[in-house]
Amino acid sequence: MGLGLGIAIFGAALASILGGVGSAIGVSMTAQVANGVLSEDPEKFGTLFLLVALPGTQGFYGFLGAFLLIMKLGLFGGEIPSLTVYQGLQYFGAAMPVAIAGLFSAIWQGRACTAGVELVAKRATEAMKAVIYGVLVETYAVLGLVITIFLVFGIKL
């Protein structure tokens, strides 16, 4: 394996790792508050579940970005190309939008969803408003994924 290919694979790994780390942090902070609410009112589980799960999507986006890059590189049974360092850096850079957007948006979405859990604790009828605020943060993770897809498939081997 050449240095260029190694750099490209490292980019794919970071996309998956950073999205997963951000999601774990975001889900964890929201779940901690939701568990406190559930200790007082277990009937709110269904309402709170979506708010807890929302920050977890960035991990899937990072995985998808990494998967598409690995497929493009032919690592799943295709012909593995010999990449120059410059080409490896192009693929590494292509993975960064979903990696960085996933890391930070998951953490900030976790904060928004945690506030939503606190809202639902006091006013359960306002749950959809809390979800909408959480989804607004999601937009930036989706944009990071879309840019990664465009970049990965725009690079010529």
N, C-alpha and C. Protein backbone atom coordinates (compact mmCIF):
# COMPACT_ATOMS: atom_id res chain seq x y z
N MET A 1 0.86 -1.18 0.00
CA MET A 1 0.00 0.00 0.00
C MET A 1 0.90 1.23 0.00
N GLY A 2 0.60 2.15 -0.90
CA GLY A 2 1.37 3.38 -0.99
C GLY A 2 0.92 4.43 0.00
N LEU A 3 1.72 5.44 0.14
CA LEU A 3 1.42 6.54 1.07
C LEU A 3 0.13 7.25 0.70
N GLY A 4 -0.10 7.48 -0.59
CA GLY A 4 -1.33 8.15 -1.03
C GLY A 4 -2.58 7.40 -0.62
N LEU A 5 -2.57 6.08 -0.81
CA LEU A 5 -3.72 5.26 -0.42
C LEU A 5 -3.90 5.28 1.10
N GLY A 6 -2.80 5.23 1.83
CA GLY A 6 -2.87 5.29 3.29
C GLY A 6 -3.49 6.59 3.78
N ILE A 7 -3.14 7.70 3.15
CA ILE A 7 -3.71 9.00 3.52
C ILE A 7 -5.21 9.00 3.24
N ALA A 8 -5.62 8.45 2.10
CA ALA A 8 -7.04 8.39 1.76
C ALA A 8 -7.82 7.53 2.76
N ILE A 9 -7.25 6.39 3.12
CA ILE A 9 -7.91 5.51 4.09
C ILE A 9 -7.99 6.19 5.45
N PHE A 10 -6.96 6.93 5.83
CA PHE A 10 -7.00 7.67 7.09
C PHE A 10 -8.13 8.69 7.09
N GLY A 11 -8.37 9.34 5.96
CA GLY A 11 -9.49 10.27 5.85
C GLY A 11 -10.82 9.56 6.06
N ALA A 12 -10.98 8.39 5.46
CA ALA A 12 -12.21 7.61 5.64
C ALA A 12 -12.38 7.22 7.10
N ALA A 13 -11.29 6.80 7.73
CA ALA A 13 -11.36 6.42 9.14
C ALA A 13 -11.77 7.60 10.01
N LEU A 14 -11.20 8.77 9.74
CA LEU A 14 -11.57 9.95 10.54
C LEU A 14 -13.03 10.33 10.36
N ALA A 15 -13.56 10.17 9.15
CA ALA A 15 -14.97 10.48 8.93
C ALA A 15 -15.84 9.63 9.84
N SER A 16 -15.53 8.36 9.91
CA SER A 16 -16.32 7.45 10.75
C SER A 16 -16.07 7.70 12.24
N ILE A 17 -14.81 7.87 12.60
CA ILE A 17 -14.46 8.05 14.02
C ILE A 17 -15.03 9.35 14.58
N LEU A 18 -14.83 10.46 13.89
CA LEU A 18 -15.28 11.75 14.43
C LEU A 18 -16.80 11.84 14.49
N GLY A 19 -17.48 11.32 13.47
CA GLY A 19 -18.95 11.29 13.52
C GLY A 19 -19.43 10.44 14.68
N GLY A 20 -18.77 9.31 14.91
CA GLY A 20 -19.15 8.44 16.02
C GLY A 20 -18.88 9.06 17.38
N VAL A 21 -17.75 9.72 17.52
CA VAL A 21 -17.42 10.38 18.80
C VAL A 21 -18.42 11.49 19.09
N GLY A 22 -18.69 12.33 18.10
CA GLY A 22 -19.67 13.40 18.30
C GLY A 22 -21.04 12.86 18.67
N SER A 23 -21.46 11.80 17.98
CA SER A 23 -22.76 11.20 18.28
C SER A 23 -22.80 10.62 19.69
N ALA A 24 -21.73 9.94 20.08
CA ALA A 24 -21.70 9.36 21.43
C ALA A 24 -21.81 10.45 22.50
N ILE A 25 -21.12 11.55 22.29
CA ILE A 25 -21.18 12.66 23.25
C ILE A 25 -22.58 13.27 23.26
N GLY A 26 -23.12 13.55 22.06
CA GLY A 26 -24.45 14.18 21.97
C GLY A 26 -25.55 13.32 22.55
N VAL A 27 -25.55 12.03 22.21
CA VAL A 27 -26.58 11.12 22.74
C VAL A 27 -26.42 10.97 24.24
N SER A 28 -25.19 10.87 24.71
CA SER A 28 -24.94 10.69 26.13
C SER A 28 -25.47 11.85 26.97
N MET A 29 -25.16 13.08 26.53
CA MET A 29 -25.61 14.22 27.35
C MET A 29 -27.14 14.32 27.36
N THR A 30 -27.77 14.01 26.23
CA THR A 30 -29.23 14.08 26.18
C THR A 30 -29.85 12.95 26.99
N ALA A 31 -29.28 11.76 26.89
CA ALA A 31 -29.82 10.60 27.62
C ALA A 31 -29.73 10.78 29.13
N GLN A 32 -28.67 11.42 29.59
CA GLN A 32 -28.52 11.63 31.03
C GLN A 32 -29.67 12.47 31.58
N VAL A 33 -30.01 13.53 30.86
CA VAL A 33 -31.11 14.39 31.31
C VAL A 33 -32.45 13.67 31.14
N ALA A 34 -32.59 12.96 30.02
CA ALA A 34 -33.85 12.23 29.78
C ALA A 34 -34.09 11.18 30.87
N ASN A 35 -33.03 10.52 31.31
CA ASN A 35 -33.20 9.53 32.38
C ASN A 35 -33.68 10.17 33.67
N GLY A 36 -33.21 11.36 33.94
CA GLY A 36 -33.70 12.08 35.11
C GLY A 36 -35.19 12.39 35.00
N VAL A 37 -35.61 12.82 33.82
CA VAL A 37 -37.03 13.11 33.60
C VAL A 37 -37.85 11.83 33.73
N LEU A 38 -37.34 10.74 33.15
CA LEU A 38 -38.07 9.46 33.20
C LEU A 38 -38.19 8.92 34.61
N SER A 39 -37.26 9.25 35.49
CA SER A 39 -37.36 8.79 36.87
C SER A 39 -38.58 9.40 37.56
N GLU A 40 -38.99 10.56 37.09
CA GLU A 40 -40.18 11.22 37.65
C GLU A 40 -41.45 10.89 36.87
N ASP A 41 -41.31 10.68 35.54
CA ASP A 41 -42.48 10.45 34.69
C ASP A 41 -42.14 9.48 33.56
N PRO A 42 -42.21 8.17 33.82
CA PRO A 42 -41.85 7.15 32.82
C PRO A 42 -42.72 7.18 31.56
N GLU A 43 -43.86 7.81 31.63
CA GLU A 43 -44.77 7.90 30.48
C GLU A 43 -44.19 8.75 29.35
N LYS A 44 -43.17 9.52 29.62
CA LYS A 44 -42.60 10.41 28.61
C LYS A 44 -41.51 9.73 27.76
N PHE A 45 -41.31 8.43 27.93
CA PHE A 45 -40.25 7.75 27.21
C PHE A 45 -40.38 7.93 25.70
N GLY A 46 -41.54 7.67 25.15
CA GLY A 46 -41.72 7.79 23.69
C GLY A 46 -41.44 9.19 23.18
N THR A 47 -41.85 10.17 23.93
CA THR A 47 -41.63 11.56 23.55
C THR A 47 -40.14 11.92 23.60
N LEU A 48 -39.45 11.41 24.60
CA LEU A 48 -38.05 11.75 24.78
C LEU A 48 -37.11 10.94 23.89
N PHE A 49 -37.56 9.77 23.46
CA PHE A 49 -36.70 8.88 22.68
C PHE A 49 -36.15 9.57 21.43
N LEU A 50 -36.99 10.27 20.71
CA LEU A 50 -36.53 10.93 19.48
C LEU A 50 -35.48 11.99 19.79
N LEU A 51 -35.68 12.75 20.85
CA LEU A 51 -34.70 13.77 21.22
C LEU A 51 -33.36 13.15 21.60
N VAL A 52 -33.38 12.00 22.24
CA VAL A 52 -32.14 11.32 22.63
C VAL A 52 -31.46 10.73 21.39
N ALA A 53 -32.24 10.20 20.46
CA ALA A 53 -31.67 9.53 19.28
C ALA A 53 -31.13 10.50 18.23
N LEU A 54 -31.68 11.70 18.16
CA LEU A 54 -31.29 12.64 17.09
C LEU A 54 -29.78 12.87 16.96
N PRO A 55 -29.04 13.11 18.02
CA PRO A 55 -27.60 13.35 17.86
C PRO A 55 -26.82 12.12 17.38
N GLY A 56 -27.46 10.98 17.33
CA GLY A 56 -26.80 9.77 16.88
C GLY A 56 -26.68 9.64 15.37
N THR A 57 -27.39 10.47 14.64
CA THR A 57 -27.39 10.33 13.18
C THR A 57 -26.05 10.70 12.56
N GLN A 58 -25.30 11.59 13.18
CA GLN A 58 -24.02 12.00 12.62
C GLN A 58 -23.04 10.83 12.54
N GLY A 59 -23.14 9.89 13.44
CA GLY A 59 -22.32 8.69 13.36
C GLY A 59 -22.62 7.90 12.10
N PHE A 60 -23.89 7.84 11.73
CA PHE A 60 -24.28 7.16 10.49
C PHE A 60 -23.78 7.92 9.27
N TYR A 61 -23.84 9.24 9.33
CA TYR A 61 -23.35 10.04 8.19
C TYR A 61 -21.85 9.85 7.99
N GLY A 62 -21.11 9.83 9.09
CA GLY A 62 -19.67 9.59 9.00
C GLY A 62 -19.38 8.20 8.44
N PHE A 63 -20.14 7.22 8.89
CA PHE A 63 -19.98 5.86 8.37
C PHE A 63 -20.28 5.82 6.88
N LEU A 64 -21.35 6.48 6.46
CA LEU A 64 -21.71 6.49 5.04
C LEU A 64 -20.64 7.17 4.21
N GLY A 65 -20.13 8.30 4.67
CA GLY A 65 -19.06 8.99 3.96
C GLY A 65 -17.83 8.11 3.82
N ALA A 66 -17.44 7.43 4.90
CA ALA A 66 -16.29 6.53 4.88
C ALA A 66 -16.55 5.36 3.94
N PHE A 67 -17.73 4.80 4.00
CA PHE A 67 -18.10 3.66 3.15
C PHE A 67 -18.01 4.03 1.67
N LEU A 68 -18.55 5.19 1.31
CA LEU A 68 -18.50 5.61 -0.09
C LEU A 68 -17.07 5.84 -0.57
N LEU A 69 -16.25 6.41 0.30
CA LEU A 69 -14.86 6.63 -0.07
C LEU A 69 -14.13 5.30 -0.24
N ILE A 70 -14.36 4.36 0.65
CA ILE A 70 -13.73 3.04 0.56
C ILE A 70 -14.19 2.32 -0.71
N MET A 71 -15.48 2.45 -1.03
CA MET A 71 -15.97 1.85 -2.28
C MET A 71 -15.30 2.47 -3.49
N LYS A 72 -15.19 3.80 -3.49
CA LYS A 72 -14.56 4.50 -4.61
C LYS A 72 -13.11 4.07 -4.78
N LEU A 73 -12.45 3.75 -3.69
CA LEU A 73 -11.06 3.31 -3.75
C LEU A 73 -10.92 1.84 -4.15
N GLY A 74 -12.04 1.13 -4.26
CA GLY A 74 -11.98 -0.27 -4.68
C GLY A 74 -11.54 -1.24 -3.61
N LEU A 75 -11.67 -0.87 -2.34
CA LEU A 75 -11.20 -1.73 -1.26
C LEU A 75 -12.13 -2.90 -0.97
N PHE A 76 -13.30 -2.93 -1.59
CA PHE A 76 -14.23 -4.04 -1.42
C PHE A 76 -14.18 -4.96 -2.64
N GLY A 77 -13.02 -5.49 -2.93
CA GLY A 77 -12.91 -6.45 -4.01
C GLY A 77 -12.66 -5.86 -5.38
N GLY A 78 -12.59 -4.57 -5.48
CA GLY A 78 -12.29 -3.95 -6.76
C GLY A 78 -10.79 -3.88 -6.97
N GLU A 79 -10.40 -3.20 -8.00
CA GLU A 79 -8.98 -3.01 -8.26
C GLU A 79 -8.51 -1.80 -7.45
N ILE A 80 -7.61 -2.05 -6.52
CA ILE A 80 -7.12 -0.99 -5.63
C ILE A 80 -6.11 -0.14 -6.41
N PRO A 81 -6.39 1.16 -6.51
CA PRO A 81 -5.51 2.02 -7.29
C PRO A 81 -4.24 2.36 -6.53
N SER A 82 -3.24 2.75 -7.27
CA SER A 82 -2.02 3.30 -6.68
C SER A 82 -2.19 4.81 -6.71
N LEU A 83 -2.30 5.41 -5.56
CA LEU A 83 -2.56 6.85 -5.48
C LEU A 83 -1.27 7.60 -5.19
N THR A 84 -1.15 8.75 -5.80
CA THR A 84 -0.06 9.65 -5.43
C THR A 84 -0.42 10.29 -4.08
N VAL A 85 0.55 10.90 -3.46
CA VAL A 85 0.28 11.60 -2.20
C VAL A 85 -0.76 12.69 -2.43
N TYR A 86 -0.65 13.39 -3.55
CA TYR A 86 -1.60 14.46 -3.86
C TYR A 86 -3.02 13.89 -3.98
N GLN A 87 -3.19 12.77 -4.65
CA GLN A 87 -4.51 12.16 -4.77
C GLN A 87 -5.01 11.69 -3.40
N GLY A 88 -4.12 11.13 -2.60
CA GLY A 88 -4.50 10.72 -1.25
C GLY A 88 -4.98 11.89 -0.42
N LEU A 89 -4.30 13.02 -0.57
CA LEU A 89 -4.72 14.23 0.15
C LEU A 89 -6.07 14.74 -0.35
N GLN A 90 -6.33 14.57 -1.65
CA GLN A 90 -7.64 14.96 -2.18
C GLN A 90 -8.75 14.13 -1.52
N TYR A 91 -8.56 12.83 -1.43
CA TYR A 91 -9.56 11.97 -0.79
C TYR A 91 -9.66 12.27 0.71
N PHE A 92 -8.52 12.51 1.35
CA PHE A 92 -8.54 12.88 2.77
C PHE A 92 -9.39 14.14 2.95
N GLY A 93 -9.12 15.15 2.12
CA GLY A 93 -9.89 16.40 2.19
C GLY A 93 -11.36 16.19 1.91
N ALA A 94 -11.68 15.26 1.01
CA ALA A 94 -13.07 14.99 0.67
C ALA A 94 -13.83 14.41 1.86
N ALA A 95 -13.13 13.70 2.73
CA ALA A 95 -13.78 13.09 3.90
C ALA A 95 -13.97 14.08 5.04
N MET A 96 -13.27 15.19 5.02
CA MET A 96 -13.29 16.11 6.16
C MET A 96 -14.61 16.84 6.38
N PRO A 97 -15.38 17.23 5.34
CA PRO A 97 -16.64 17.91 5.65
C PRO A 97 -17.57 17.08 6.54
N VAL A 98 -17.76 15.81 6.22
CA VAL A 98 -18.64 14.99 7.04
C VAL A 98 -17.99 14.68 8.40
N ALA A 99 -16.68 14.56 8.43
CA ALA A 99 -15.99 14.28 9.70
C ALA A 99 -16.13 15.44 10.68
N ILE A 100 -15.81 16.62 10.21
CA ILE A 100 -15.81 17.79 11.10
C ILE A 100 -17.24 18.25 11.41
N ALA A 101 -18.09 18.31 10.38
CA ALA A 101 -19.49 18.69 10.62
C ALA A 101 -20.17 17.68 11.53
N GLY A 102 -19.85 16.40 11.36
CA GLY A 102 -20.45 15.36 12.19
C GLY A 102 -20.03 15.48 13.64
N LEU A 103 -18.76 15.71 13.87
CA LEU A 103 -18.26 15.84 15.24
C LEU A 103 -18.95 16.99 15.97
N PHE A 104 -18.88 18.17 15.39
CA PHE A 104 -19.38 19.35 16.10
C PHE A 104 -20.90 19.45 16.10
N SER A 105 -21.54 19.10 15.00
CA SER A 105 -23.00 19.23 14.98
C SER A 105 -23.65 18.22 15.92
N ALA A 106 -23.07 17.04 16.08
CA ALA A 106 -23.65 16.07 17.01
C ALA A 106 -23.58 16.57 18.45
N ILE A 107 -22.47 17.18 18.80
CA ILE A 107 -22.33 17.71 20.17
C ILE A 107 -23.31 18.86 20.39
N TRP A 108 -23.38 19.78 19.43
CA TRP A 108 -24.29 20.91 19.59
C TRP A 108 -25.75 20.47 19.48
N GLN A 109 -26.01 19.47 18.67
CA GLN A 109 -27.37 18.95 18.60
C GLN A 109 -27.74 18.28 19.92
N GLY A 110 -26.77 17.63 20.54
CA GLY A 110 -27.02 17.06 21.86
C GLY A 110 -27.40 18.12 22.87
N ARG A 111 -26.76 19.27 22.78
CA ARG A 111 -27.11 20.38 23.69
C ARG A 111 -28.52 20.89 23.41
N ALA A 112 -28.84 21.04 22.12
CA ALA A 112 -30.18 21.51 21.76
C ALA A 112 -31.24 20.50 22.20
N CYS A 113 -30.96 19.23 22.01
CA CYS A 113 -31.92 18.19 22.39
C CYS A 113 -32.04 18.06 23.91
N THR A 114 -30.95 18.32 24.62
CA THR A 114 -30.99 18.31 26.09
C THR A 114 -31.93 19.42 26.58
N ALA A 115 -31.83 20.58 25.97
CA ALA A 115 -32.75 21.66 26.33
C ALA A 115 -34.18 21.26 25.98
N GLY A 116 -34.35 20.53 24.87
CA GLY A 116 -35.67 20.04 24.50
C GLY A 116 -36.24 19.06 25.52
N VAL A 117 -35.38 18.21 26.05
CA VAL A 117 -35.82 17.28 27.10
C VAL A 117 -36.30 18.07 28.31
N GLU A 118 -35.58 19.12 28.66
CA GLU A 118 -35.99 19.94 29.80
C GLU A 118 -37.33 20.63 29.53
N LEU A 119 -37.56 21.03 28.28
CA LEU A 119 -38.85 21.61 27.91
C LEU A 119 -39.96 20.59 28.06
N VAL A 120 -39.72 19.38 27.55
CA VAL A 120 -40.74 18.33 27.62
C VAL A 120 -41.03 17.95 29.07
N ALA A 121 -40.04 18.04 29.94
CA ALA A 121 -40.25 17.73 31.35
C ALA A 121 -41.31 18.65 31.96
N LYS A 122 -41.34 19.90 31.50
CA LYS A 122 -42.28 20.87 32.05
C LYS A 122 -43.56 20.99 31.22
N ARG A 123 -43.42 20.83 29.89
CA ARG A 123 -44.56 20.99 28.99
C ARG A 123 -44.50 19.92 27.90
N ALA A 124 -45.04 18.77 28.19
CA ALA A 124 -44.97 17.63 27.27
C ALA A 124 -45.63 17.93 25.93
N THR A 125 -46.58 18.82 25.90
CA THR A 125 -47.28 19.13 24.65
C THR A 125 -46.41 19.92 23.67
N GLU A 126 -45.27 20.41 24.12
CA GLU A 126 -44.37 21.20 23.28
C GLU A 126 -43.24 20.36 22.67
N ALA A 127 -43.36 19.05 22.70
CA ALA A 127 -42.28 18.16 22.26
C ALA A 127 -41.88 18.39 20.81
N MET A 128 -42.83 18.61 19.92
CA MET A 128 -42.48 18.78 18.51
C MET A 128 -41.65 20.04 18.29
N LYS A 129 -41.88 21.07 19.05
CA LYS A 129 -41.06 22.27 18.94
C LYS A 129 -39.62 21.95 19.31
N ALA A 130 -39.45 21.16 20.35
CA ALA A 130 -38.10 20.76 20.77
C ALA A 130 -37.41 19.93 19.70
N VAL A 131 -38.15 19.03 19.07
CA VAL A 131 -37.59 18.19 18.00
C VAL A 131 -37.18 19.06 16.81
N ILE A 132 -38.01 20.03 16.46
CA ILE A 132 -37.70 20.91 15.32
C ILE A 132 -36.40 21.66 15.57
N TYR A 133 -36.20 22.15 16.77
CA TYR A 133 -34.94 22.84 17.07
C TYR A 133 -33.75 21.90 16.93
N GLY A 134 -33.91 20.67 17.39
CA GLY A 134 -32.84 19.69 17.24
C GLY A 134 -32.55 19.38 15.78
N VAL A 135 -33.59 19.28 14.98
CA VAL A 135 -33.43 18.97 13.56
C VAL A 135 -32.74 20.11 12.82
N LEU A 136 -32.94 21.33 13.25
CA LEU A 136 -32.26 22.46 12.60
C LEU A 136 -30.75 22.31 12.66
N VAL A 137 -30.23 21.80 13.75
CA VAL A 137 -28.79 21.58 13.87
C VAL A 137 -28.36 20.45 12.92
N GLU A 138 -29.22 19.47 12.75
CA GLU A 138 -28.96 18.32 11.87
C GLU A 138 -28.65 18.76 10.44
N THR A 139 -29.24 19.86 10.02
CA THR A 139 -29.06 20.35 8.65
C THR A 139 -27.58 20.46 8.28
N TYR A 140 -26.76 20.89 9.20
CA TYR A 140 -25.35 21.12 8.90
C TYR A 140 -24.57 19.81 8.79
N ALA A 141 -24.99 18.81 9.51
CA ALA A 141 -24.38 17.49 9.35
C ALA A 141 -24.73 16.93 7.97
N VAL A 142 -25.98 17.11 7.55
CA VAL A 142 -26.40 16.64 6.22
C VAL A 142 -25.62 17.37 5.13
N LEU A 143 -25.43 18.66 5.29
CA LEU A 143 -24.65 19.42 4.30
C LEU A 143 -23.21 18.92 4.23
N GLY A 144 -22.62 18.60 5.37
CA GLY A 144 -21.27 18.04 5.38
C GLY A 144 -21.22 16.72 4.63
N LEU A 145 -22.23 15.87 4.82
CA LEU A 145 -22.29 14.60 4.10
C LEU A 145 -22.44 14.82 2.61
N VAL A 146 -23.31 15.73 2.21
CA VAL A 146 -23.53 16.00 0.79
C VAL A 146 -22.25 16.50 0.13
N ILE A 147 -21.53 17.40 0.78
CA ILE A 147 -20.28 17.91 0.21
C ILE A 147 -19.25 16.78 0.11
N THR A 148 -19.17 15.92 1.12
CA THR A 148 -18.25 14.79 1.04
C THR A 148 -18.60 13.89 -0.14
N ILE A 149 -19.88 13.62 -0.35
CA ILE A 149 -20.31 12.79 -1.49
C ILE A 149 -19.89 13.45 -2.80
N PHE A 150 -20.18 14.73 -2.95
CA PHE A 150 -19.80 15.45 -4.18
C PHE A 150 -18.29 15.38 -4.41
N LEU A 151 -17.52 15.60 -3.36
CA LEU A 151 -16.06 15.60 -3.51
C LEU A 151 -15.51 14.19 -3.82
N VAL A 152 -16.01 13.18 -3.13
CA VAL A 152 -15.52 11.83 -3.35
C VAL A 152 -15.77 11.39 -4.79
N PHE A 153 -16.96 11.66 -5.29
CA PHE A 153 -17.27 11.22 -6.65
C PHE A 153 -16.79 12.19 -7.72
N GLY A 154 -16.31 13.36 -7.29
CA GLY A 154 -15.76 14.31 -8.26
C GLY A 154 -14.28 14.12 -8.53
N ILE A 155 -13.61 13.34 -7.68
CA ILE A 155 -12.17 13.11 -7.83
C ILE A 155 -11.97 12.01 -8.87
N LYS A 156 -11.10 12.26 -9.82
CA LYS A 156 -10.77 11.27 -10.85
C LYS A 156 -9.58 10.46 -10.42
N LEU A 157 -9.70 9.16 -10.56
CA LEU A 157 -8.55 8.27 -10.26
C LEU A 157 -7.53 8.32 -11.35
